[in-house]
């Protein structure tokens, strides 16, 4: 069974959200349907990237890493979501 870590961008306010799941298509549908409490106020969401992992634990560890402030800033910069002063 494959597990995934994914990065979404809110089309409403350009926020980044990092998560993990076993079924990426279904999970994105849940985000965009407003069924995920933390993200429903910022829908719609666009998938920016995803990574496949061999275990749930690997996916969760990667998710936690990508959710750190430093990594979120790197993701924002990668996708041009950082304000340029």
Protein backbone atom coordinates (compact mmCIF):
# COMPACT_ATOMS: atom_id res chain seq x y z
CA UNK A 1 0.00 0.00 0.00
CA UNK A 2 1.32 3.44 -0.94
CA UNK A 3 0.98 6.54 1.21
CA UNK A 4 1.42 10.11 0.05
CA UNK A 5 2.60 13.44 1.36
CA UNK A 6 1.07 16.34 -0.51
CA UNK A 7 1.29 20.12 -0.74
CA UNK A 8 -1.77 22.22 -1.55
CA UNK A 9 -2.14 25.91 -2.33
CA UNK A 10 -5.27 27.84 -1.44
CA UNK A 11 -6.58 29.68 -4.49
CA UNK A 12 -8.38 32.01 -2.07
CA UNK A 13 -5.41 33.41 -0.15
CA UNK A 14 -2.31 31.53 -1.44
CA UNK A 15 -1.75 29.67 1.85
CA UNK A 16 0.20 26.41 1.78
CA UNK A 17 -1.15 23.25 3.40
CA UNK A 18 0.84 20.03 3.87
CA UNK A 19 -0.83 16.69 4.57
CA UNK A 20 -0.53 12.95 4.13
CA UNK A 21 -3.00 10.34 2.98
CA UNK A 22 -3.48 6.92 1.47
CA UNK A 23 -5.82 8.17 -1.30
CA UNK A 24 -4.65 11.51 -2.64
CA UNK A 25 -7.51 12.12 -5.08
CA UNK A 26 -10.16 11.48 -2.43
CA UNK A 27 -8.34 13.65 0.11
CA UNK A 28 -8.11 16.63 -2.25
CA UNK A 29 -11.82 16.22 -3.02
CA UNK A 30 -12.51 16.35 0.73
CA UNK A 31 -10.45 19.56 1.08
CA UNK A 32 -12.30 21.20 -1.82
CA UNK A 33 -15.71 20.05 -0.54
CA UNK A 34 -15.05 21.81 2.78
CA UNK A 35 -15.01 18.55 4.75
CA UNK A 36 -11.59 19.17 6.35
CA UNK A 37 -11.98 21.48 9.34
CA UNK A 38 -8.58 23.16 9.08
CA UNK A 39 -8.86 23.97 5.38
CA UNK A 40 -12.53 24.58 4.64
CA UNK A 41 -12.30 28.37 5.04
CA UNK A 42 -9.56 28.60 2.40
CA UNK A 43 -10.97 26.48 -0.43
CA UNK A 44 -10.58 25.90 -3.30
CA UNK A 45 -7.25 24.10 -3.16
CA UNK A 46 -4.79 23.24 -5.90
CA UNK A 47 -2.33 20.34 -5.68
CA UNK A 48 1.22 21.64 -6.06
CA UNK A 49 3.16 18.43 -5.47
CA UNK A 50 3.00 15.00 -3.91
CA UNK A 51 5.44 12.28 -2.91
CA UNK A 52 4.82 8.54 -2.63
CA UNK A 53 6.03 6.58 0.41
CA UNK A 54 6.16 2.89 1.23
CA UNK A 55 4.68 3.25 4.71
CA UNK A 56 2.27 5.45 6.62
CA UNK A 57 5.03 6.28 9.09
CA UNK A 58 7.32 7.56 6.30
CA UNK A 59 4.53 9.77 4.94
CA UNK A 60 3.75 11.20 8.38
CA UNK A 61 7.42 11.88 9.12
CA UNK A 62 7.80 13.71 5.80
CA UNK A 63 4.59 15.67 6.45
CA UNK A 64 5.89 16.80 9.85
CA UNK A 65 9.18 17.85 8.30
CA UNK A 66 7.49 19.86 5.53
CA UNK A 67 5.23 21.58 8.07
CA UNK A 68 8.17 23.19 9.88
CA UNK A 69 8.36 26.95 9.44
CA UNK A 70 11.62 26.77 7.49
CA UNK A 71 10.32 24.16 5.04
CA UNK A 72 7.03 26.00 4.51
CA UNK A 73 9.01 29.12 3.64
CA UNK A 74 11.07 27.10 1.14
CA UNK A 75 7.86 25.76 -0.43
CA UNK A 76 6.38 29.26 -0.66
CA UNK A 77 9.53 30.52 -2.34
CA UNK A 78 9.59 27.53 -4.72
CA UNK A 79 6.06 28.35 -5.90
CA UNK A 80 6.45 32.14 -5.93
CA UNK A 81 4.16 32.71 -2.94
CA UNK A 82 6.58 34.91 -0.99
CA UNK A 83 6.13 38.67 -1.15
CA UNK A 84 8.99 40.34 -3.00
CA UNK A 85 9.98 43.60 -1.32
